PDB file of all heavy atoms in Angstrom:
ATOM      1  N   ASN A   1      12.668  -3.100   2.001  1.00  0.00           N
ATOM      2  CA  ASN A   1      12.458  -2.545   0.657  1.00  0.00           C
ATOM      3  C   ASN A   1      11.100  -2.776   0.039  1.00  0.00           C
ATOM      4  O   ASN A   1      10.465  -1.985  -0.475  1.00  0.00           O
ATOM      5  CB  ASN A   1      13.443  -2.773  -0.340  1.00  0.00           C
ATOM      6  CG  ASN A   1      14.857  -2.363   0.001  1.00  0.00           C
ATOM      7  OD1 ASN A   1      15.038  -1.407   0.867  1.00  0.00           O
ATOM      8  ND2 ASN A   1      16.032  -2.993  -0.399  1.00  0.00           N
ATOM      9  N   MET A   2      10.615  -3.956   0.332  1.00  0.00           N
ATOM     10  CA  MET A   2       9.179  -4.250  -0.212  1.00  0.00           C
ATOM     11  C   MET A   2       8.173  -3.457   0.456  1.00  0.00           C
ATOM     12  O   MET A   2       7.255  -2.890  -0.083  1.00  0.00           O
ATOM     13  CB  MET A   2       8.939  -5.822   0.012  1.00  0.00           C
ATOM     14  CG  MET A   2       7.548  -6.148  -0.400  1.00  0.00           C
ATOM     15  SD  MET A   2       7.250  -7.934  -0.228  1.00  0.00           S
ATOM     16  CE  MET A   2       5.494  -8.024  -0.725  1.00  0.00           C
ATOM     17  N   MET A   3       8.275  -3.272   1.767  1.00  0.00           N
ATOM     18  CA  MET A   3       7.219  -2.468   2.465  1.00  0.00           C
ATOM     19  C   MET A   3       7.368  -0.979   2.239  1.00  0.00           C
ATOM     20  O   MET A   3       6.287  -0.360   2.468  1.00  0.00           O
ATOM     21  CB  MET A   3       7.542  -2.682   4.060  1.00  0.00           C
ATOM     22  CG  MET A   3       6.986  -4.202   4.419  1.00  0.00           C
ATOM     23  SD  MET A   3       7.126  -4.440   6.188  1.00  0.00           S
ATOM     24  CE  MET A   3       8.830  -4.525   6.497  1.00  0.00           C
ATOM     25  N   SER A   4       8.476  -0.494   1.768  1.00  0.00           N
ATOM     26  CA  SER A   4       8.586   0.916   1.527  1.00  0.00           C
ATOM     27  C   SER A   4       8.696   1.264   0.032  1.00  0.00           C
ATOM     28  O   SER A   4       9.147   2.347  -0.479  1.00  0.00           O
ATOM     29  CB  SER A   4       9.927   1.404   2.141  1.00  0.00           C
ATOM     30  OG  SER A   4      11.061   0.750   1.674  1.00  0.00           O
ATOM     31  N   CYS A   5       8.258   0.296  -0.790  1.00  0.00           N
ATOM     32  CA  CYS A   5       8.249   0.293  -2.196  1.00  0.00           C
ATOM     33  C   CYS A   5       7.406   1.615  -2.584  1.00  0.00           C
ATOM     34  O   CYS A   5       6.278   1.598  -2.172  1.00  0.00           O
ATOM     35  CB  CYS A   5       7.923  -0.969  -2.943  1.00  0.00           C
ATOM     36  SG  CYS A   5       7.897  -0.813  -4.731  1.00  0.00           S
ATOM     37  N   GLN A   6       7.920   2.403  -3.665  1.00  0.00           N
ATOM     38  CA  GLN A   6       7.079   3.460  -4.024  1.00  0.00           C
ATOM     39  C   GLN A   6       5.866   3.078  -4.812  1.00  0.00           C
ATOM     40  O   GLN A   6       4.863   3.749  -4.652  1.00  0.00           O
ATOM     41  CB  GLN A   6       7.901   4.284  -5.037  1.00  0.00           C
ATOM     42  CG  GLN A   6       9.272   4.959  -4.393  1.00  0.00           C
ATOM     43  CD  GLN A   6       9.949   5.857  -5.340  1.00  0.00           C
ATOM     44  OE1 GLN A   6       9.672   5.838  -6.524  1.00  0.00           O
ATOM     45  NE2 GLN A   6      10.972   6.525  -4.848  1.00  0.00           N
ATOM     46  N   LYS A   7       5.859   1.953  -5.464  1.00  0.00           N
ATOM     47  CA  LYS A   7       4.625   1.463  -6.152  1.00  0.00           C
ATOM     48  C   LYS A   7       3.537   1.158  -5.099  1.00  0.00           C
ATOM     49  O   LYS A   7       2.431   1.553  -5.300  1.00  0.00           O
ATOM     50  CB  LYS A   7       4.899   0.250  -7.001  1.00  0.00           C
ATOM     51  CG  LYS A   7       5.868   0.600  -8.211  1.00  0.00           C
ATOM     52  CD  LYS A   7       6.148  -0.700  -9.069  1.00  0.00           C
ATOM     53  CE  LYS A   7       6.953  -0.396 -10.160  1.00  0.00           C
ATOM     54  NZ  LYS A   7       7.236  -1.564 -11.049  1.00  0.00           N
ATOM     55  N   MET A   8       3.988   0.558  -4.063  1.00  0.00           N
ATOM     56  CA  MET A   8       2.932   0.205  -3.033  1.00  0.00           C
ATOM     57  C   MET A   8       2.358   1.447  -2.314  1.00  0.00           C
ATOM     58  O   MET A   8       1.282   1.533  -2.083  1.00  0.00           O
ATOM     59  CB  MET A   8       3.524  -0.810  -2.072  1.00  0.00           C
ATOM     60  CG  MET A   8       3.954  -2.126  -2.610  1.00  0.00           C
ATOM     61  SD  MET A   8       4.487  -3.343  -1.407  1.00  0.00           S
ATOM     62  CE  MET A   8       2.985  -3.729  -0.723  1.00  0.00           C
ATOM     63  N   ASN A   9       3.267   2.336  -2.003  1.00  0.00           N
ATOM     64  CA  ASN A   9       3.015   3.643  -1.377  1.00  0.00           C
ATOM     65  C   ASN A   9       2.000   4.477  -2.400  1.00  0.00           C
ATOM     66  O   ASN A   9       1.064   5.175  -1.950  1.00  0.00           O
ATOM     67  CB  ASN A   9       4.071   4.558  -1.127  1.00  0.00           C
ATOM     68  CG  ASN A   9       4.830   4.018   0.033  1.00  0.00           C
ATOM     69  OD1 ASN A   9       4.133   3.328   0.896  1.00  0.00           O
ATOM     70  ND2 ASN A   9       6.117   4.209   0.146  1.00  0.00           N
ATOM     71  N   PHE A  10       2.213   4.312  -3.699  1.00  0.00           N
ATOM     72  CA  PHE A  10       1.211   4.874  -4.714  1.00  0.00           C
ATOM     73  C   PHE A  10      -0.160   4.425  -4.637  1.00  0.00           C
ATOM     74  O   PHE A  10      -1.164   5.103  -4.525  1.00  0.00           O
ATOM     75  CB  PHE A  10       1.856   4.667  -6.091  1.00  0.00           C
ATOM     76  CG  PHE A  10       0.820   5.170  -7.168  1.00  0.00           C
ATOM     77  CD1 PHE A  10       0.550   6.361  -7.565  1.00  0.00           C
ATOM     78  CD2 PHE A  10       0.030   4.110  -7.892  1.00  0.00           C
ATOM     79  CE1 PHE A  10      -0.268   6.800  -8.455  1.00  0.00           C
ATOM     80  CE2 PHE A  10      -0.731   4.509  -8.830  1.00  0.00           C
ATOM     81  CZ  PHE A  10      -1.110   5.746  -9.223  1.00  0.00           C
ATOM     82  N   PHE A  11      -0.156   3.024  -4.524  1.00  0.00           N
ATOM     83  CA  PHE A  11      -1.533   2.290  -4.409  1.00  0.00           C
ATOM     84  C   PHE A  11      -2.271   2.654  -2.997  1.00  0.00           C
ATOM     85  O   PHE A  11      -3.462   2.779  -2.885  1.00  0.00           O
ATOM     86  CB  PHE A  11      -1.538   0.981  -4.554  1.00  0.00           C
ATOM     87  CG  PHE A  11      -0.996   0.484  -5.896  1.00  0.00           C
ATOM     88  CD1 PHE A  11       0.088  -0.208  -5.996  1.00  0.00           C
ATOM     89  CD2 PHE A  11      -1.789   0.934  -6.967  1.00  0.00           C
ATOM     90  CE1 PHE A  11       0.493  -0.773  -7.406  1.00  0.00           C
ATOM     91  CE2 PHE A  11      -1.424   0.593  -8.303  1.00  0.00           C
ATOM     92  CZ  PHE A  11      -0.299  -0.267  -8.482  1.00  0.00           C
ATOM     93  N   ARG A  12      -1.424   2.986  -1.961  1.00  0.00           N
ATOM     94  CA  ARG A  12      -1.960   3.380  -0.703  1.00  0.00           C
ATOM     95  C   ARG A  12      -2.705   4.782  -0.816  1.00  0.00           C
ATOM     96  O   ARG A  12      -3.703   4.972  -0.171  1.00  0.00           O
ATOM     97  CB  ARG A  12      -0.847   3.477   0.335  1.00  0.00           C
ATOM     98  CG  ARG A  12      -1.371   3.881   1.720  1.00  0.00           C
ATOM     99  CD  ARG A  12      -0.218   4.139   2.615  1.00  0.00           C
ATOM    100  NE  ARG A  12       0.503   2.992   3.020  1.00  0.00           N
ATOM    101  CZ  ARG A  12       0.170   2.235   3.960  1.00  0.00           C
ATOM    102  NH1 ARG A  12      -0.870   2.462   4.621  1.00  0.00           N
ATOM    103  NH2 ARG A  12       0.830   1.189   4.226  1.00  0.00           N
ATOM    104  N   SER A  13      -2.359   5.525  -1.756  1.00  0.00           N
ATOM    105  CA  SER A  13      -2.977   6.851  -1.899  1.00  0.00           C
ATOM    106  C   SER A  13      -4.374   6.802  -2.492  1.00  0.00           C
ATOM    107  O   SER A  13      -5.183   7.764  -2.401  1.00  0.00           O
ATOM    108  CB  SER A  13      -2.047   7.750  -2.769  1.00  0.00           C
ATOM    109  OG  SER A  13      -1.972   7.189  -4.171  1.00  0.00           O
ATOM    110  N   THR A  14      -4.722   5.676  -3.027  1.00  0.00           N
ATOM    111  CA  THR A  14      -6.079   5.453  -3.497  1.00  0.00           C
ATOM    112  C   THR A  14      -6.965   4.990  -2.443  1.00  0.00           C
ATOM    113  O   THR A  14      -6.935   3.852  -1.895  1.00  0.00           O
ATOM    114  CB  THR A  14      -6.159   4.263  -4.601  1.00  0.00           C
ATOM    115  OG1 THR A  14      -5.079   4.639  -5.512  1.00  0.00           O
ATOM    116  CG2 THR A  14      -7.338   4.201  -5.310  1.00  0.00           C
ATOM    117  N   SER A  15      -7.872   5.992  -1.971  1.00  0.00           N
ATOM    118  CA  SER A  15      -8.452   5.691  -0.689  1.00  0.00           C
ATOM    119  C   SER A  15      -9.418   4.504  -0.637  1.00  0.00           C
ATOM    120  O   SER A  15      -9.696   3.922   0.334  1.00  0.00           O
ATOM    121  CB  SER A  15      -9.375   6.985  -0.422  1.00  0.00           C
ATOM    122  OG  SER A  15     -10.275   7.220  -1.417  1.00  0.00           O
ATOM    123  N   ASN A  16      -9.949   4.025  -1.884  1.00  0.00           N
ATOM    124  CA  ASN A  16     -10.857   2.943  -1.833  1.00  0.00           C
ATOM    125  C   ASN A  16     -10.144   1.638  -1.665  1.00  0.00           C
ATOM    126  O   ASN A  16     -10.815   0.683  -1.351  1.00  0.00           O
ATOM    127  CB  ASN A  16     -11.606   2.953  -3.331  1.00  0.00           C
ATOM    128  CG  ASN A  16     -12.392   4.176  -3.410  1.00  0.00           C
ATOM    129  OD1 ASN A  16     -13.000   4.767  -2.468  1.00  0.00           O
ATOM    130  ND2 ASN A  16     -12.782   4.428  -4.735  1.00  0.00           N
ATOM    131  N   TYR A  17      -8.887   1.512  -1.733  1.00  0.00           N
ATOM    132  CA  TYR A  17      -8.199   0.358  -1.710  1.00  0.00           C
ATOM    133  C   TYR A  17      -6.994   0.308  -0.799  1.00  0.00           C
ATOM    134  O   TYR A  17      -6.177  -0.625  -0.854  1.00  0.00           O
ATOM    135  CB  TYR A  17      -7.627  -0.083  -3.219  1.00  0.00           C
ATOM    136  CG  TYR A  17      -8.644  -0.067  -4.175  1.00  0.00           C
ATOM    137  CD1 TYR A  17      -8.765   1.110  -5.046  1.00  0.00           C
ATOM    138  CD2 TYR A  17      -9.508  -1.112  -4.278  1.00  0.00           C
ATOM    139  CE1 TYR A  17      -9.755   1.052  -5.996  1.00  0.00           C
ATOM    140  CE2 TYR A  17     -10.425  -1.133  -5.298  1.00  0.00           C
ATOM    141  CZ  TYR A  17     -10.607  -0.023  -6.210  1.00  0.00           C
ATOM    142  OH  TYR A  17     -11.711  -0.060  -7.143  1.00  0.00           O
ATOM    143  N   PHE A  18      -6.895   1.261   0.132  1.00  0.00           N
ATOM    144  CA  PHE A  18      -5.846   1.367   1.174  1.00  0.00           C
ATOM    145  C   PHE A  18      -5.970   0.154   2.076  1.00  0.00           C
ATOM    146  O   PHE A  18      -4.980  -0.296   2.632  1.00  0.00           O
ATOM    147  CB  PHE A  18      -5.938   2.622   1.937  1.00  0.00           C
ATOM    148  CG  PHE A  18      -7.057   2.667   2.893  1.00  0.00           C
ATOM    149  CD1 PHE A  18      -6.941   2.210   4.148  1.00  0.00           C
ATOM    150  CD2 PHE A  18      -8.261   3.396   2.460  1.00  0.00           C
ATOM    151  CE1 PHE A  18      -7.978   2.333   4.983  1.00  0.00           C
ATOM    152  CE2 PHE A  18      -9.313   3.351   3.440  1.00  0.00           C
ATOM    153  CZ  PHE A  18      -9.227   2.954   4.632  1.00  0.00           C
ATOM    154  N   GLU A  19      -7.095  -0.423   2.234  1.00  0.00           N
ATOM    155  CA  GLU A  19      -7.341  -1.577   3.205  1.00  0.00           C
ATOM    156  C   GLU A  19      -6.502  -2.760   2.681  1.00  0.00           C
ATOM    157  O   GLU A  19      -5.906  -3.599   3.362  1.00  0.00           O
ATOM    158  CB  GLU A  19      -8.663  -1.998   3.254  1.00  0.00           C
ATOM    159  CG  GLU A  19      -8.953  -3.126   4.128  1.00  0.00           C
ATOM    160  CD  GLU A  19     -10.412  -3.607   4.338  1.00  0.00           C
ATOM    161  OE1 GLU A  19     -11.247  -3.058   3.570  1.00  0.00           O
ATOM    162  OE2 GLU A  19     -10.703  -4.467   5.110  1.00  0.00           O
ATOM    163  N   ILE A  20      -6.383  -2.979   1.446  1.00  0.00           N
ATOM    164  CA  ILE A  20      -5.701  -4.061   0.761  1.00  0.00           C
ATOM    165  C   ILE A  20      -4.262  -4.011   1.085  1.00  0.00           C
ATOM    166  O   ILE A  20      -3.589  -5.017   1.506  1.00  0.00           O
ATOM    167  CB  ILE A  20      -5.934  -4.127  -0.779  1.00  0.00           C
ATOM    168  CG1 ILE A  20      -7.434  -4.356  -0.978  1.00  0.00           C
ATOM    169  CG2 ILE A  20      -5.155  -5.124  -1.337  1.00  0.00           C
ATOM    170  CD1 ILE A  20      -7.855  -4.236  -2.532  1.00  0.00           C
ATOM    171  N   LEU A  21      -3.734  -2.784   0.899  1.00  0.00           N
ATOM    172  CA  LEU A  21      -2.238  -2.652   1.052  1.00  0.00           C
ATOM    173  C   LEU A  21      -1.854  -2.556   2.486  1.00  0.00           C
ATOM    174  O   LEU A  21      -0.821  -3.142   2.866  1.00  0.00           O
ATOM    175  CB  LEU A  21      -1.788  -1.317   0.392  1.00  0.00           C
ATOM    176  CG  LEU A  21      -1.974  -1.374  -1.152  1.00  0.00           C
ATOM    177  CD1 LEU A  21      -1.614   0.157  -1.686  1.00  0.00           C
ATOM    178  CD2 LEU A  21      -1.103  -2.395  -1.656  1.00  0.00           C
ATOM    179  N   ASP A  22      -2.872  -2.133   3.334  1.00  0.00           N
ATOM    180  CA  ASP A  22      -2.570  -2.208   4.753  1.00  0.00           C
ATOM    181  C   ASP A  22      -2.452  -3.681   5.311  1.00  0.00           C
ATOM    182  O   ASP A  22      -1.524  -4.113   6.083  1.00  0.00           O
ATOM    183  CB  ASP A  22      -3.659  -1.471   5.585  1.00  0.00           C
ATOM    184  CG  ASP A  22      -3.469   0.051   5.597  1.00  0.00           C
ATOM    185  OD1 ASP A  22      -2.351   0.487   5.095  1.00  0.00           O
ATOM    186  OD2 ASP A  22      -4.442   0.711   5.809  1.00  0.00           O
ATOM    187  N   VAL A  23      -3.281  -4.480   4.805  1.00  0.00           N
ATOM    188  CA  VAL A  23      -3.409  -5.992   5.177  1.00  0.00           C
ATOM    189  C   VAL A  23      -2.007  -6.568   4.651  1.00  0.00           C
ATOM    190  O   VAL A  23      -1.342  -7.354   5.412  1.00  0.00           O
ATOM    191  CB  VAL A  23      -4.476  -6.580   4.550  1.00  0.00           C
ATOM    192  CG1 VAL A  23      -4.335  -8.203   4.838  1.00  0.00           C
ATOM    193  CG2 VAL A  23      -5.842  -6.133   5.307  1.00  0.00           C
ATOM    194  N   ILE A  24      -1.543  -6.237   3.416  1.00  0.00           N
ATOM    195  CA  ILE A  24      -0.383  -6.901   2.889  1.00  0.00           C
ATOM    196  C   ILE A  24       0.802  -6.458   3.667  1.00  0.00           C
ATOM    197  O   ILE A  24       1.701  -7.225   4.023  1.00  0.00           O
ATOM    198  CB  ILE A  24      -0.264  -6.446   1.430  1.00  0.00           C
ATOM    199  CG1 ILE A  24      -1.357  -7.103   0.478  1.00  0.00           C
ATOM    200  CG2 ILE A  24       1.089  -6.775   0.877  1.00  0.00           C
ATOM    201  CD1 ILE A  24      -1.363  -6.743  -0.857  1.00  0.00           C
ATOM    202  N   LEU A  25       0.884  -5.111   3.951  1.00  0.00           N
ATOM    203  CA  LEU A  25       2.079  -4.617   4.722  1.00  0.00           C
ATOM    204  C   LEU A  25       2.164  -5.216   6.026  1.00  0.00           C
ATOM    205  O   LEU A  25       3.094  -5.522   6.676  1.00  0.00           O
ATOM    206  CB  LEU A  25       2.043  -3.098   4.680  1.00  0.00           C
ATOM    207  CG  LEU A  25       2.189  -2.403   3.438  1.00  0.00           C
ATOM    208  CD1 LEU A  25       2.137  -0.915   3.428  1.00  0.00           C
ATOM    209  CD2 LEU A  25       3.610  -2.691   2.783  1.00  0.00           C
ATOM    210  N   MET A  26       0.923  -5.298   6.741  1.00  0.00           N
ATOM    211  CA  MET A  26       0.912  -5.915   8.066  1.00  0.00           C
ATOM    212  C   MET A  26       1.358  -7.381   8.090  1.00  0.00           C
ATOM    213  O   MET A  26       1.928  -7.870   8.994  1.00  0.00           O
ATOM    214  CB  MET A  26      -0.499  -5.734   8.790  1.00  0.00           C
ATOM    215  CG  MET A  26      -0.485  -6.384  10.047  1.00  0.00           C
ATOM    216  SD  MET A  26      -2.264  -6.332  10.711  1.00  0.00           S
ATOM    217  CE  MET A  26      -3.127  -7.404   9.626  1.00  0.00           C
TER     218      MET A  26
END
């Protein structure tokens, strides 16, 4: 549930910061 949280997916849509969320999810 944490990896598929809507809030985290929302931040992924911000192209300048997708690297941060990718590292966290990985």
